[in-house]
Protein backbone atom coordinates (compact mmCIF):
# COMPACT_ATOMS: atom_id res chain seq x y z
CA MET A 1 10.31 -11.33 24.60
CA LEU A 2 12.08 -12.54 27.71
CA LYS A 3 14.41 -14.75 25.68
CA ALA A 4 15.19 -11.90 23.29
CA ALA A 5 16.13 -9.80 26.32
CA GLY A 6 18.55 -12.47 27.56
CA PHE A 7 16.31 -14.18 30.13
CA ARG A 8 15.32 -17.79 30.64
CA LEU A 9 11.75 -18.42 31.81
CA LEU A 10 11.62 -20.50 34.99
CA GLU A 11 7.92 -20.31 35.77
CA SER A 12 4.72 -18.62 34.67
CA GLU A 13 1.36 -18.48 36.40
CA ASP A 14 -2.04 -17.01 35.55
CA ARG A 15 -2.83 -14.64 38.42
CA THR A 16 -6.12 -13.30 37.04
CA ALA A 17 -8.07 -14.77 39.97
CA SER A 18 -6.09 -12.51 42.31
CA VAL A 19 -7.18 -9.49 40.25
CA LEU A 20 -10.80 -10.49 40.81
CA ARG A 21 -10.27 -11.09 44.54
CA ASN A 22 -8.46 -7.79 44.99
CA ALA A 23 -10.93 -5.69 43.01
CA GLY A 24 -13.90 -7.42 44.64
CA GLY A 25 -12.47 -6.84 48.11
CA ARG A 26 -11.77 -3.18 47.40
CA LEU A 27 -15.28 -2.74 46.00
CA ARG A 28 -16.86 -4.35 49.08
CA ALA A 29 -14.75 -2.11 51.33
CA ILE A 30 -15.91 0.98 49.44
CA GLN A 31 -19.52 -0.12 49.75
CA THR A 32 -19.16 -0.91 53.45
CA HIS A 33 -17.38 2.34 54.35
CA ARG A 34 -18.79 4.63 51.66
CA ALA A 35 -19.92 7.45 53.96
CA GLU A 36 -16.56 7.70 55.72
CA LEU A 37 -14.64 7.47 52.44
CA GLU A 38 -16.77 10.15 50.78
CA HIS A 39 -16.17 12.42 53.76
CA ALA A 40 -12.41 11.82 53.65
CA LEU A 41 -11.82 11.64 49.88
CA GLY A 42 -14.86 13.19 48.25
CA THR A 43 -17.78 11.69 46.38
CA GLU A 44 -16.19 12.14 42.95
CA ARG A 45 -13.11 10.12 43.92
CA ILE A 46 -15.17 7.29 45.41
CA GLU A 47 -17.43 7.11 42.35
CA ARG A 48 -14.38 7.08 40.04
CA ASP A 49 -12.75 4.31 42.07
CA GLN A 50 -15.98 2.29 42.03
CA ARG A 51 -16.33 2.65 38.23
CA TYR A 52 -12.70 1.57 37.81
CA LEU A 53 -13.15 -1.52 40.00
CA ASP A 54 -16.42 -2.43 38.25
CA ALA A 55 -14.58 -2.24 34.92
CA VAL A 56 -11.65 -4.35 36.18
CA ILE A 57 -14.04 -7.04 37.41
CA SER A 58 -16.07 -7.01 34.21
CA LEU A 59 -12.98 -7.22 31.99
CA ALA A 60 -11.35 -9.98 34.04
CA GLU A 61 -14.55 -12.04 34.14
CA SER A 62 -14.97 -11.73 30.36
CA GLY A 63 -11.35 -12.73 29.71
CA ALA A 64 -10.43 -9.36 28.21
CA LEU A 65 -8.05 -8.67 31.12
CA SER A 66 -5.57 -11.08 32.61
CA ARG A 67 -2.57 -10.91 34.89
CA MET A 68 0.37 -13.19 34.33
CA MET A 69 3.32 -13.72 36.65
CA TYR A 70 6.68 -14.61 35.14
CA LEU A 71 9.76 -15.74 37.02
CA ALA A 72 12.91 -15.53 34.93
CA GLU A 73 16.64 -15.35 35.33
CA LEU A 74 19.40 -14.10 33.12
CA ALA A 75 20.26 -16.89 30.68
CA THR A 76 23.96 -16.08 31.12
CA PRO A 77 24.87 -14.48 34.46
CA ARG A 78 26.55 -11.11 34.15
CA GLY A 79 30.30 -11.39 33.93
CA ALA A 80 30.18 -15.06 32.88
CA ALA A 81 31.52 -16.21 29.55
CA ALA A 82 28.83 -16.92 26.95
């Protein structure tokens, strides 16, 4: 897809581990500060956020969710002759 859009791939990296770290950290923070968060944001919001993070962790651990990072540049810089 990148090539079809005129880009050249320079680098790609699987960043799924960062999804797990981020979701796990957010989940631990919710659990640690649950009372204060429920007071500030409401119980429904906290429960929804916790269900979302549980799902993200489950999907990433099972391989159904991944995050990829792509670094690309225009194959032909704008204004340059092809």
